[in-house]
Amino acid sequence: MSQSVESFAEILAGVHRSAVHLELRDSYGVDNEADNFAAFRRGDWSEDLERADRQSWLDLVGETTSRGVAMRRARVVSVRVSDYIRYEHAGTQMNIDAGERVRWLARDRASSLALPGNDLWIFDERLVQFNIFDGLGQWIRTDFSDDPSVVEFCVSSFESVWERAVPHADFEV
């Protein structure tokens, strides 16, 4: 399947059962988080500041989960965690309050798992969206696949991480 012209929100609006997100990086360098991450590193970060910037995402999660769609996010991270993972962890409760379920898996517990090479979203176990980042964590592009073997592999990978991962409340950074 080629790159879709649909926005992420449009894709999510068409989901009926599940939207799951697998994150595999220890840091991201996306522009829309740069100011808040810098504030976090300086000790000037607050949940209110973060919420103001993420409100449209939190609203989208709330709208999606209120339709009965299960949204789950699993993060595979190195331990000792990076500053970026500390920052993500600090803001994760907002995602949970909006309706996402979030789990964390220490990378050393993932060694025996078959995992894809890129972060991904899986929609209704029928479409995979791969998020391609460069070495500095800058988003490059999004690729899609509805190939049944790719979807099956990604679903299996996500579920294996989810099974081993711990809920957000139990993961200490």
N, C-alpha and C. Protein backbone atom coordinates (compact mmCIF):
# COMPACT_ATOMS: atom_id res chain seq x y z
N MET A 1 0.85 -1.18 0.00
CA MET A 1 0.00 0.00 0.00
C MET A 1 0.89 1.23 0.00
N SER A 2 0.58 2.20 -0.80
CA SER A 2 1.40 3.41 -0.87
C SER A 2 1.01 4.39 0.24
N GLN A 3 1.83 5.41 0.39
CA GLN A 3 1.57 6.46 1.39
C GLN A 3 0.15 6.98 1.22
N SER A 4 -0.57 7.06 2.29
CA SER A 4 -1.94 7.56 2.26
C SER A 4 -1.94 9.07 2.40
N VAL A 5 -2.92 9.70 1.78
CA VAL A 5 -3.07 11.14 1.93
C VAL A 5 -3.92 11.49 3.15
N GLU A 6 -4.49 10.47 3.78
CA GLU A 6 -5.29 10.71 4.97
C GLU A 6 -4.41 11.18 6.12
N SER A 7 -4.93 12.06 6.92
CA SER A 7 -4.21 12.46 8.13
C SER A 7 -4.35 11.36 9.17
N PHE A 8 -3.50 11.43 10.18
CA PHE A 8 -3.58 10.45 11.26
C PHE A 8 -4.97 10.47 11.90
N ALA A 9 -5.50 11.67 12.12
CA ALA A 9 -6.83 11.79 12.73
C ALA A 9 -7.90 11.14 11.87
N GLU A 10 -7.77 11.26 10.54
CA GLU A 10 -8.74 10.64 9.64
C GLU A 10 -8.63 9.12 9.70
N ILE A 11 -7.41 8.62 9.77
CA ILE A 11 -7.23 7.17 9.90
C ILE A 11 -7.85 6.69 11.20
N LEU A 12 -7.54 7.39 12.28
CA LEU A 12 -8.06 7.00 13.59
C LEU A 12 -9.60 7.07 13.62
N ALA A 13 -10.18 8.02 12.91
CA ALA A 13 -11.63 8.14 12.86
C ALA A 13 -12.28 6.92 12.20
N GLY A 14 -11.52 6.22 11.35
CA GLY A 14 -12.04 5.04 10.68
C GLY A 14 -11.80 3.74 11.42
N VAL A 15 -11.14 3.82 12.57
CA VAL A 15 -10.83 2.62 13.36
C VAL A 15 -12.07 2.23 14.18
N HIS A 16 -12.33 0.92 14.25
CA HIS A 16 -13.51 0.42 14.96
C HIS A 16 -13.18 -0.32 16.24
N ARG A 17 -12.02 -0.99 16.30
CA ARG A 17 -11.73 -1.85 17.45
C ARG A 17 -10.48 -1.44 18.22
N SER A 18 -9.36 -1.24 17.49
CA SER A 18 -8.11 -1.04 18.22
C SER A 18 -7.12 -0.19 17.43
N ALA A 19 -6.34 0.55 18.20
CA ALA A 19 -5.20 1.30 17.66
C ALA A 19 -4.08 1.11 18.66
N VAL A 20 -3.01 0.46 18.23
CA VAL A 20 -1.90 0.19 19.15
C VAL A 20 -0.63 0.81 18.60
N HIS A 21 0.21 1.25 19.51
CA HIS A 21 1.43 1.98 19.15
C HIS A 21 2.62 1.31 19.84
N LEU A 22 3.62 0.97 19.05
CA LEU A 22 4.86 0.39 19.57
C LEU A 22 5.97 1.40 19.37
N GLU A 23 6.62 1.79 20.47
CA GLU A 23 7.73 2.74 20.43
C GLU A 23 8.99 2.00 20.83
N LEU A 24 10.05 2.19 20.04
CA LEU A 24 11.27 1.41 20.23
C LEU A 24 12.51 2.27 20.47
N ARG A 25 12.39 3.57 20.46
CA ARG A 25 13.54 4.47 20.57
C ARG A 25 13.71 4.98 22.00
N ASP A 26 14.94 5.33 22.35
CA ASP A 26 15.22 5.93 23.65
C ASP A 26 15.18 7.45 23.62
N SER A 27 15.11 8.01 22.43
CA SER A 27 14.96 9.46 22.33
C SER A 27 14.39 9.81 20.97
N TYR A 28 13.69 10.92 20.96
CA TYR A 28 13.12 11.47 19.74
C TYR A 28 13.54 12.93 19.68
N GLY A 29 13.63 13.45 18.49
CA GLY A 29 14.01 14.84 18.30
C GLY A 29 12.98 15.59 17.49
N VAL A 30 11.72 15.31 17.74
CA VAL A 30 10.67 15.94 16.94
C VAL A 30 10.47 17.39 17.36
N ASP A 31 10.29 18.23 16.38
CA ASP A 31 10.25 19.68 16.60
C ASP A 31 9.16 20.12 17.56
N ASN A 32 7.98 19.51 17.50
CA ASN A 32 6.87 19.99 18.33
C ASN A 32 7.06 19.68 19.82
N GLU A 33 8.08 18.92 20.18
CA GLU A 33 8.35 18.64 21.60
C GLU A 33 9.61 19.36 22.10
N ALA A 34 10.33 20.02 21.22
CA ALA A 34 11.65 20.55 21.56
C ALA A 34 11.60 21.53 22.73
N ASP A 35 10.66 22.46 22.73
CA ASP A 35 10.61 23.46 23.79
C ASP A 35 10.27 22.83 25.14
N ASN A 36 9.27 21.93 25.15
CA ASN A 36 8.88 21.30 26.42
C ASN A 36 9.97 20.37 26.94
N PHE A 37 10.65 19.67 26.03
CA PHE A 37 11.74 18.80 26.47
C PHE A 37 12.89 19.64 27.05
N ALA A 38 13.19 20.76 26.41
CA ALA A 38 14.23 21.66 26.94
C ALA A 38 13.82 22.18 28.31
N ALA A 39 12.56 22.52 28.48
CA ALA A 39 12.07 22.99 29.79
C ALA A 39 12.20 21.87 30.82
N PHE A 40 11.90 20.65 30.42
CA PHE A 40 12.03 19.50 31.32
C PHE A 40 13.48 19.35 31.78
N ARG A 41 14.40 19.44 30.85
CA ARG A 41 15.82 19.28 31.18
C ARG A 41 16.33 20.40 32.09
N ARG A 42 15.74 21.59 31.97
CA ARG A 42 16.13 22.72 32.83
C ARG A 42 15.43 22.68 34.18
N GLY A 43 14.43 21.81 34.32
CA GLY A 43 13.65 21.77 35.55
C GLY A 43 12.50 22.76 35.55
N ASP A 44 12.14 23.28 34.36
CA ASP A 44 11.05 24.27 34.25
C ASP A 44 9.77 23.67 33.70
N TRP A 45 9.72 22.37 33.54
CA TRP A 45 8.58 21.70 32.94
C TRP A 45 7.44 21.58 33.94
N SER A 46 6.23 21.64 33.45
CA SER A 46 5.06 21.36 34.29
C SER A 46 4.04 20.59 33.45
N GLU A 47 3.20 19.85 34.13
CA GLU A 47 2.16 19.11 33.43
C GLU A 47 1.21 20.07 32.72
N ASP A 48 0.94 21.23 33.33
CA ASP A 48 0.06 22.21 32.69
C ASP A 48 0.64 22.71 31.37
N LEU A 49 1.94 22.99 31.35
CA LEU A 49 2.62 23.41 30.12
C LEU A 49 2.50 22.32 29.05
N GLU A 50 2.76 21.10 29.45
CA GLU A 50 2.69 19.97 28.52
C GLU A 50 1.27 19.77 28.01
N ARG A 51 0.31 19.84 28.91
CA ARG A 51 -1.08 19.62 28.53
C ARG A 51 -1.53 20.65 27.50
N ALA A 52 -1.12 21.89 27.66
CA ALA A 52 -1.50 22.95 26.72
C ALA A 52 -1.04 22.61 25.31
N ASP A 53 0.18 22.06 25.18
CA ASP A 53 0.70 21.71 23.86
C ASP A 53 0.11 20.41 23.32
N ARG A 54 -0.34 19.53 24.21
CA ARG A 54 -0.82 18.21 23.77
C ARG A 54 -2.33 18.08 23.79
N GLN A 55 -3.04 19.14 24.06
CA GLN A 55 -4.48 19.04 24.25
C GLN A 55 -5.19 18.46 23.03
N SER A 56 -4.75 18.80 21.82
CA SER A 56 -5.44 18.26 20.64
C SER A 56 -5.26 16.74 20.56
N TRP A 57 -4.07 16.24 20.95
CA TRP A 57 -3.84 14.79 20.98
C TRP A 57 -4.71 14.14 22.06
N LEU A 58 -4.74 14.75 23.23
CA LEU A 58 -5.53 14.19 24.33
C LEU A 58 -7.01 14.16 23.97
N ASP A 59 -7.48 15.20 23.28
CA ASP A 59 -8.88 15.22 22.82
C ASP A 59 -9.13 14.11 21.82
N LEU A 60 -8.19 13.91 20.90
CA LEU A 60 -8.33 12.85 19.90
C LEU A 60 -8.39 11.48 20.56
N VAL A 61 -7.54 11.24 21.55
CA VAL A 61 -7.57 9.97 22.29
C VAL A 61 -8.92 9.81 22.98
N GLY A 62 -9.37 10.85 23.65
CA GLY A 62 -10.66 10.78 24.35
C GLY A 62 -11.81 10.49 23.40
N GLU A 63 -11.82 11.16 22.24
CA GLU A 63 -12.87 10.92 21.26
C GLU A 63 -12.82 9.49 20.74
N THR A 64 -11.61 9.00 20.49
CA THR A 64 -11.45 7.65 19.93
C THR A 64 -11.87 6.59 20.94
N THR A 65 -11.39 6.70 22.16
CA THR A 65 -11.72 5.69 23.16
C THR A 65 -13.18 5.76 23.57
N SER A 66 -13.79 6.93 23.48
CA SER A 66 -15.22 7.03 23.82
C SER A 66 -16.09 6.30 22.81
N ARG A 67 -15.54 6.02 21.61
CA ARG A 67 -16.26 5.22 20.60
C ARG A 67 -16.07 3.73 20.84
N GLY A 68 -15.32 3.37 21.88
CA GLY A 68 -15.10 1.95 22.18
C GLY A 68 -13.83 1.39 21.58
N VAL A 69 -13.00 2.23 20.98
CA VAL A 69 -11.73 1.78 20.41
C VAL A 69 -10.71 1.65 21.54
N ALA A 70 -10.06 0.50 21.61
CA ALA A 70 -9.00 0.29 22.60
C ALA A 70 -7.70 0.89 22.06
N MET A 71 -7.13 1.82 22.80
CA MET A 71 -5.85 2.41 22.42
C MET A 71 -4.81 1.97 23.44
N ARG A 72 -3.76 1.31 22.92
CA ARG A 72 -2.69 0.84 23.78
C ARG A 72 -1.35 1.30 23.21
N ARG A 73 -0.42 1.63 24.09
CA ARG A 73 0.92 2.07 23.72
C ARG A 73 1.92 1.26 24.54
N ALA A 74 2.89 0.67 23.86
CA ALA A 74 3.95 -0.08 24.53
C ALA A 74 5.28 0.56 24.15
N ARG A 75 6.11 0.81 25.16
CA ARG A 75 7.42 1.42 24.94
C ARG A 75 8.51 0.48 25.39
N VAL A 76 9.44 0.20 24.49
CA VAL A 76 10.62 -0.59 24.81
C VAL A 76 11.75 0.40 25.03
N VAL A 77 12.32 0.38 26.24
CA VAL A 77 13.32 1.40 26.60
C VAL A 77 14.53 0.77 27.28
N SER A 78 15.65 1.43 27.09
CA SER A 78 16.86 1.02 27.80
C SER A 78 16.79 1.48 29.24
N VAL A 79 17.37 0.69 30.11
CA VAL A 79 17.45 1.05 31.53
C VAL A 79 18.93 1.06 31.88
N ARG A 80 19.35 2.08 32.30
CA ARG A 80 19.12 3.40 32.82
C ARG A 80 18.51 4.22 31.70
N VAL A 81 17.38 4.87 32.01
CA VAL A 81 16.63 5.56 30.97
C VAL A 81 17.28 6.89 30.60
N SER A 82 17.02 7.30 29.36
CA SER A 82 17.51 8.58 28.87
C SER A 82 16.68 9.72 29.45
N ASP A 83 17.19 10.93 29.33
CA ASP A 83 16.42 12.10 29.75
C ASP A 83 15.10 12.18 29.00
N TYR A 84 15.13 11.81 27.73
CA TYR A 84 13.90 11.87 26.95
C TYR A 84 12.85 10.90 27.51
N ILE A 85 13.27 9.71 27.88
CA ILE A 85 12.31 8.74 28.45
C ILE A 85 11.79 9.25 29.79
N ARG A 86 12.62 9.91 30.57
CA ARG A 86 12.13 10.54 31.81
C ARG A 86 11.03 11.56 31.49
N TYR A 87 11.28 12.34 30.46
CA TYR A 87 10.30 13.34 30.01
C TYR A 87 9.00 12.66 29.56
N GLU A 88 9.10 11.62 28.74
CA GLU A 88 7.90 10.89 28.31
C GLU A 88 7.15 10.32 29.50
N HIS A 89 7.90 9.73 30.42
CA HIS A 89 7.28 9.11 31.60
C HIS A 89 6.52 10.16 32.41
N ALA A 90 7.10 11.33 32.55
CA ALA A 90 6.48 12.39 33.35
C ALA A 90 5.13 12.81 32.76
N GLY A 91 4.99 12.76 31.45
CA GLY A 91 3.74 13.19 30.82
C GLY A 91 2.77 12.08 30.47
N THR A 92 3.12 10.84 30.76
CA THR A 92 2.30 9.71 30.32
C THR A 92 0.95 9.63 31.02
N GLN A 93 0.86 10.08 32.25
CA GLN A 93 -0.42 9.98 32.95
C GLN A 93 -1.51 10.73 32.21
N MET A 94 -1.14 11.79 31.50
CA MET A 94 -2.14 12.53 30.71
C MET A 94 -2.74 11.63 29.63
N ASN A 95 -1.90 10.82 28.98
CA ASN A 95 -2.39 9.88 27.97
C ASN A 95 -3.35 8.88 28.60
N ILE A 96 -2.98 8.39 29.77
CA ILE A 96 -3.81 7.41 30.46
C ILE A 96 -5.14 8.03 30.86
N ASP A 97 -5.09 9.25 31.39
CA ASP A 97 -6.32 9.94 31.77
C ASP A 97 -7.23 10.18 30.57
N ALA A 98 -6.64 10.33 29.38
CA ALA A 98 -7.42 10.55 28.16
C ALA A 98 -8.02 9.24 27.62
N GLY A 99 -7.50 8.07 28.08
CA GLY A 99 -8.06 6.80 27.67
C GLY A 99 -7.10 5.77 27.12
N GLU A 100 -5.82 6.14 26.94
CA GLU A 100 -4.83 5.16 26.48
C GLU A 100 -4.41 4.26 27.63
N ARG A 101 -4.04 3.05 27.28
CA ARG A 101 -3.37 2.16 28.23
C ARG A 101 -1.91 2.14 27.81
N VAL A 102 -1.00 2.29 28.76
CA VAL A 102 0.42 2.41 28.45
C VAL A 102 1.21 1.44 29.31
N ARG A 103 2.12 0.72 28.65
CA ARG A 103 3.04 -0.18 29.35
C ARG A 103 4.46 0.08 28.88
N TRP A 104 5.40 -0.29 29.75
CA TRP A 104 6.83 -0.09 29.51
C TRP A 104 7.55 -1.43 29.62
N LEU A 105 8.51 -1.66 28.73
CA LEU A 105 9.31 -2.88 28.77
C LEU A 105 10.78 -2.50 28.73
N ALA A 106 11.51 -2.93 29.75
CA ALA A 106 12.95 -2.72 29.75
C ALA A 106 13.55 -3.51 28.59
N ARG A 107 14.42 -2.84 27.83
CA ARG A 107 14.97 -3.43 26.60
C ARG A 107 15.62 -4.80 26.85
N ASP A 108 16.26 -4.99 27.99
CA ASP A 108 16.92 -6.28 28.24
C ASP A 108 15.91 -7.42 28.40
N ARG A 109 14.65 -7.10 28.62
CA ARG A 109 13.61 -8.13 28.69
C ARG A 109 13.00 -8.41 27.31
N ALA A 110 13.48 -7.69 26.29
CA ALA A 110 12.97 -7.87 24.93
C ALA A 110 13.93 -8.63 24.03
N SER A 111 15.04 -9.08 24.57
CA SER A 111 16.08 -9.69 23.74
C SER A 111 15.61 -10.90 22.94
N SER A 112 14.69 -11.66 23.46
CA SER A 112 14.25 -12.86 22.76
C SER A 112 13.01 -12.62 21.89
N LEU A 113 12.60 -11.37 21.76
CA LEU A 113 11.42 -11.06 20.96
C LEU A 113 11.80 -10.64 19.54
N ALA A 114 10.99 -11.03 18.60
CA ALA A 114 11.15 -10.57 17.22
C ALA A 114 10.42 -9.24 17.09
N LEU A 115 11.18 -8.18 16.83
CA LEU A 115 10.60 -6.85 16.77
C LEU A 115 10.88 -6.19 15.43
N PRO A 116 9.96 -5.34 14.97
CA PRO A 116 10.20 -4.60 13.73
C PRO A 116 11.31 -3.58 13.93
N GLY A 117 11.82 -3.07 12.85
CA GLY A 117 12.92 -2.11 12.90
C GLY A 117 12.49 -0.68 13.16
N ASN A 118 11.19 -0.41 13.14
CA ASN A 118 10.70 0.95 13.30
C ASN A 118 9.49 1.00 14.21
N ASP A 119 9.29 2.17 14.81
CA ASP A 119 8.07 2.42 15.56
C ASP A 119 6.88 2.21 14.64
N LEU A 120 5.74 1.88 15.23
CA LEU A 120 4.57 1.64 14.39
C LEU A 120 3.27 1.84 15.13
N TRP A 121 2.24 2.03 14.35
CA TRP A 121 0.85 1.97 14.79
C TRP A 121 0.20 0.82 14.02
N ILE A 122 -0.73 0.13 14.66
CA ILE A 122 -1.53 -0.89 14.00
C ILE A 122 -3.00 -0.52 14.22
N PHE A 123 -3.74 -0.43 13.13
CA PHE A 123 -5.14 -0.04 13.19
C PHE A 123 -6.03 -1.24 12.86
N ASP A 124 -6.87 -1.62 13.82
CA ASP A 124 -7.82 -2.72 13.64
C ASP A 124 -7.17 -4.01 13.12
N GLU A 125 -5.91 -4.21 13.43
CA GLU A 125 -5.17 -5.40 13.00
C GLU A 125 -5.29 -5.62 11.49
N ARG A 126 -5.33 -4.50 10.73
CA ARG A 126 -5.44 -4.59 9.27
C ARG A 126 -4.48 -3.66 8.53
N LEU A 127 -4.02 -2.61 9.21
CA LEU A 127 -3.14 -1.63 8.59
C LEU A 127 -2.04 -1.24 9.56
N VAL A 128 -0.80 -1.25 9.07
CA VAL A 128 0.35 -0.84 9.88
C VAL A 128 0.88 0.48 9.32
N GLN A 129 1.14 1.39 10.23
CA GLN A 129 1.79 2.65 9.88
C GLN A 129 3.16 2.63 10.54
N PHE A 130 4.21 2.61 9.74
CA PHE A 130 5.58 2.68 10.25
C PHE A 130 6.01 4.13 10.30
N ASN A 131 6.56 4.54 11.43
CA ASN A 131 7.11 5.89 11.57
C ASN A 131 8.61 5.79 11.46
N ILE A 132 9.16 6.42 10.44
CA ILE A 132 10.58 6.32 10.13
C ILE A 132 11.28 7.58 10.66
N PHE A 133 12.29 7.35 11.51
CA PHE A 133 13.06 8.44 12.12
C PHE A 133 14.51 8.31 11.70
N ASP A 134 15.23 9.44 11.70
CA ASP A 134 16.67 9.37 11.46
C ASP A 134 17.40 9.10 12.77
N GLY A 135 18.72 9.06 12.71
CA GLY A 135 19.52 8.73 13.89
C GLY A 135 19.42 9.73 15.02
N LEU A 136 18.98 10.95 14.72
CA LEU A 136 18.82 11.98 15.75
C LEU A 136 17.39 12.06 16.27
N GLY A 137 16.55 11.15 15.78
CA GLY A 137 15.17 11.11 16.25
C GLY A 137 14.23 12.03 15.51
N GLN A 138 14.68 12.61 14.40
CA GLN A 138 13.81 13.45 13.58
C GLN A 138 12.94 12.56 12.70
N TRP A 139 11.64 12.88 12.64
CA TRP A 139 10.73 12.13 11.79
C TRP A 139 11.12 12.36 10.33
N ILE A 140 11.20 11.27 9.55
CA ILE A 140 11.53 11.35 8.13
C ILE A 140 10.27 11.17 7.29
N ARG A 141 9.55 10.08 7.55
CA ARG A 141 8.35 9.80 6.75
C ARG A 141 7.53 8.72 7.45
N THR A 142 6.37 8.49 6.89
CA THR A 142 5.48 7.44 7.34
C THR A 142 5.26 6.48 6.17
N ASP A 143 5.41 5.19 6.43
CA ASP A 143 5.13 4.14 5.45
C ASP A 143 3.95 3.32 5.96
N PHE A 144 3.17 2.80 5.03
CA PHE A 144 2.01 1.98 5.38
C PHE A 144 2.13 0.60 4.75
N SER A 145 1.55 -0.38 5.43
CA SER A 145 1.44 -1.71 4.85
C SER A 145 0.14 -2.34 5.31
N ASP A 146 -0.55 -2.93 4.34
CA ASP A 146 -1.71 -3.77 4.66
C ASP A 146 -1.46 -5.20 4.22
N ASP A 147 -0.19 -5.51 3.93
CA ASP A 147 0.20 -6.88 3.57
C ASP A 147 -0.08 -7.78 4.78
N PRO A 148 -0.88 -8.81 4.60
CA PRO A 148 -1.27 -9.65 5.75
C PRO A 148 -0.09 -10.21 6.54
N SER A 149 1.01 -10.58 5.88
CA SER A 149 2.14 -11.13 6.61
C SER A 149 2.85 -10.05 7.44
N VAL A 150 2.92 -8.84 6.93
CA VAL A 150 3.52 -7.73 7.69
C VAL A 150 2.63 -7.38 8.88
N VAL A 151 1.34 -7.28 8.63
CA VAL A 151 0.40 -6.97 9.72
C VAL A 151 0.47 -8.04 10.80
N GLU A 152 0.47 -9.31 10.40
CA GLU A 152 0.53 -10.41 11.38
C GLU A 152 1.81 -10.34 12.21
N PHE A 153 2.94 -10.09 11.56
CA PHE A 153 4.21 -9.97 12.28
C PHE A 153 4.16 -8.81 13.28
N CYS A 154 3.65 -7.68 12.86
CA CYS A 154 3.61 -6.51 13.73
C CYS A 154 2.64 -6.71 14.90
N VAL A 155 1.49 -7.31 14.64
CA VAL A 155 0.55 -7.61 15.72
C VAL A 155 1.21 -8.55 16.73
N SER A 156 1.86 -9.60 16.24
CA SER A 156 2.54 -10.55 17.12
C SER A 156 3.63 -9.85 17.93
N SER A 157 4.38 -8.99 17.29
CA SER A 157 5.45 -8.26 17.99
C SER A 157 4.88 -7.39 19.08
N PHE A 158 3.85 -6.62 18.74
CA PHE A 158 3.24 -5.75 19.74
C PHE A 158 2.72 -6.56 20.92
N GLU A 159 1.99 -7.61 20.65
CA GLU A 159 1.39 -8.41 21.72
C GLU A 159 2.45 -9.06 22.60
N SER A 160 3.57 -9.46 22.01
CA SER A 160 4.64 -10.05 22.83
C SER A 160 5.27 -9.01 23.75
N VAL A 161 5.41 -7.79 23.27
CA VAL A 161 5.91 -6.71 24.13
C VAL A 161 4.88 -6.41 25.21
N TRP A 162 3.62 -6.28 24.84
CA TRP A 162 2.57 -5.94 25.78
C TRP A 162 2.49 -6.97 26.92
N GLU A 163 2.63 -8.23 26.56
CA GLU A 163 2.55 -9.30 27.56
C GLU A 163 3.66 -9.19 28.61
N ARG A 164 4.86 -8.82 28.19
CA ARG A 164 6.00 -8.73 29.11
C ARG A 164 6.11 -7.38 29.82
N ALA A 165 5.52 -6.37 29.25
CA ALA A 165 5.68 -5.01 29.77
C ALA A 165 4.89 -4.81 31.06
N VAL A 166 5.28 -3.78 31.78
CA VAL A 166 4.59 -3.44 33.03
C VAL A 166 3.75 -2.18 32.83
N PRO A 167 2.63 -2.09 33.54
CA PRO A 167 1.80 -0.88 33.44
C PRO A 167 2.59 0.36 33.86
N HIS A 168 2.19 1.48 33.33
CA HIS A 168 2.88 2.75 33.60
C HIS A 168 3.09 2.98 35.10
N ALA A 169 2.05 2.74 35.89
CA ALA A 169 2.13 3.01 37.33
C ALA A 169 3.21 2.18 38.03
N ASP A 170 3.60 1.06 37.43
CA ASP A 170 4.59 0.16 38.04
C ASP A 170 5.99 0.33 37.47
N PHE A 171 6.16 1.22 36.49
CA PHE A 171 7.48 1.40 35.87
C PHE A 171 8.14 2.64 36.44
N GLU A 172 9.25 2.40 37.12
CA GLU A 172 9.97 3.52 37.74
C GLU A 172 11.14 3.92 36.86
N VAL A 173 11.33 5.23 36.72
CA VAL A 173 12.48 5.72 35.93
C VAL A 173 13.57 6.22 36.85
